[in-house]
Amino acid sequence: MGAIIALVAGFVGVPRPLAGIIAWAVLAVAVSGAALGGYELIKHWGADEVRAKIEKENTDAIHKGVDARMSLDECLDAGGVYDFGRQRCDAATLGPR
């Protein structure tokens, strides 16, 4: 560290104690920047994993819903009323249509 301080003192033209403060400050900024960069990278990877998991669960739920939906003929045969707007079978009505 002494060589770095001497280099900073000679390059900048400041006394050695001030050069030491500058060298330590630069070192602290570099270390904190590296730590913050690592934190952001890990946080980004974690967010991507969670986002991918949620998208997969949503896709699976959509496919299960489509597979479970009854067709028009199956709905009418079961005594239900087919809702064309929502494209699904509703329970039979209680009164005349």
Protein backbone atom coordinates (compact mmCIF):
# COMPACT_ATOMS: atom_id res chain seq x y z
CA MET A 1 0.00 0.00 0.00
CA GLY A 2 2.96 2.26 0.65
CA ALA A 3 3.97 2.12 -3.01
CA ILE A 4 0.48 3.10 -4.09
CA ILE A 5 0.45 5.99 -1.65
CA ALA A 6 3.85 7.16 -2.93
CA LEU A 7 2.61 6.86 -6.51
CA VAL A 8 -0.53 8.88 -5.74
CA ALA A 9 1.51 11.50 -3.86
CA GLY A 10 3.92 11.88 -6.76
CA PHE A 11 1.27 11.84 -9.49
CA VAL A 12 -1.21 14.21 -7.86
CA GLY A 13 1.39 16.31 -6.03
CA VAL A 14 -0.12 16.11 -2.55
CA PRO A 15 1.48 15.26 0.81
CA ARG A 16 1.74 11.55 1.72
CA PRO A 17 -0.99 11.62 4.44
CA LEU A 18 -3.49 13.12 2.00
CA ALA A 19 -2.38 10.65 -0.69
CA GLY A 20 -3.07 7.83 1.79
CA ILE A 21 -6.58 9.13 2.39
CA ILE A 22 -7.19 9.36 -1.36
CA ALA A 23 -5.85 5.84 -1.94
CA TRP A 24 -8.03 4.35 0.83
CA ALA A 25 -11.09 6.27 -0.44
CA VAL A 26 -10.55 4.95 -3.98
CA LEU A 27 -10.16 1.42 -2.59
CA ALA A 28 -13.35 1.76 -0.53
CA VAL A 29 -15.32 3.01 -3.56
CA ALA A 30 -14.03 0.14 -5.71
CA VAL A 31 -14.89 -2.50 -3.11
CA SER A 32 -18.35 -1.08 -2.42
CA GLY A 33 -19.03 -0.80 -6.16
CA ALA A 34 -18.08 -4.44 -6.67
CA ALA A 35 -20.27 -5.52 -3.75
CA LEU A 36 -23.24 -3.51 -5.03
CA GLY A 37 -22.76 -4.87 -8.55
CA GLY A 38 -22.70 -8.43 -7.23
CA TYR A 39 -25.85 -7.81 -5.19
CA GLU A 40 -27.72 -6.40 -8.20
CA LEU A 41 -26.63 -9.33 -10.36
CA ILE A 42 -27.84 -11.91 -7.84
CA LYS A 43 -31.11 -10.00 -7.33
CA HIS A 44 -31.68 -9.90 -11.10
CA TRP A 45 -31.07 -13.65 -11.45
CA GLY A 46 -33.52 -14.35 -8.61
CA ALA A 47 -36.19 -12.13 -10.18
CA ASP A 48 -35.82 -13.94 -13.52
CA GLU A 49 -36.24 -17.32 -11.82
CA VAL A 50 -39.39 -16.20 -9.98
CA ARG A 51 -40.83 -14.60 -13.14
CA ALA A 52 -40.22 -17.80 -15.14
CA LYS A 53 -41.86 -19.91 -12.42
CA ILE A 54 -44.96 -17.69 -12.33
CA GLU A 55 -45.26 -17.70 -16.13
CA LYS A 56 -45.02 -21.51 -16.17
CA GLU A 57 -47.71 -21.81 -13.47
CA ASN A 58 -49.99 -19.44 -15.42
CA THR A 59 -49.50 -21.39 -18.63
CA ASP A 60 -50.22 -24.67 -16.85
CA ALA A 61 -53.39 -23.21 -15.33
CA ILE A 62 -54.59 -22.02 -18.75
CA HIS A 63 -53.98 -25.44 -20.28
CA LYS A 64 -55.80 -27.19 -17.42
CA GLY A 65 -58.76 -24.83 -17.82
CA VAL A 66 -58.95 -25.40 -21.56
CA ASP A 67 -58.72 -29.17 -21.09
CA ALA A 68 -61.45 -29.16 -18.42
CA ARG A 69 -63.90 -27.09 -20.42
CA MET A 70 -66.83 -29.01 -21.85
CA SER A 71 -67.78 -28.76 -25.49
CA LEU A 72 -71.19 -27.48 -26.57
CA ASP A 73 -72.58 -30.94 -27.20
CA GLU A 74 -71.30 -32.33 -23.91
CA CYS A 75 -72.77 -29.35 -22.05
CA LEU A 76 -76.23 -29.72 -23.61
CA ASP A 77 -76.20 -33.48 -23.05
CA ALA A 78 -75.44 -32.91 -19.37
CA GLY A 79 -78.38 -30.49 -19.04
CA GLY A 80 -76.27 -27.37 -18.83
CA VAL A 81 -76.44 -24.04 -20.63
CA TYR A 82 -73.47 -23.14 -22.80
CA ASP A 83 -72.21 -19.57 -22.30
CA PHE A 84 -70.74 -18.52 -25.66
CA GLY A 85 -69.26 -15.28 -24.30
CA ARG A 86 -67.12 -17.09 -21.75
CA GLN A 87 -66.95 -20.28 -23.81
CA ARG A 88 -67.84 -22.57 -20.99
CA CYS A 89 -70.70 -24.66 -19.67
CA ASP A 90 -72.86 -23.21 -16.92
CA ALA A 91 -75.28 -25.08 -14.67
CA ALA A 92 -78.77 -25.76 -15.93
CA THR A 93 -81.26 -22.94 -15.48
CA LEU A 94 -83.99 -23.33 -12.89
CA GLY A 95 -86.84 -21.93 -14.97
CA PRO A 96 -88.01 -21.98 -18.56
CA ARG A 97 -85.80 -20.33 -21.13
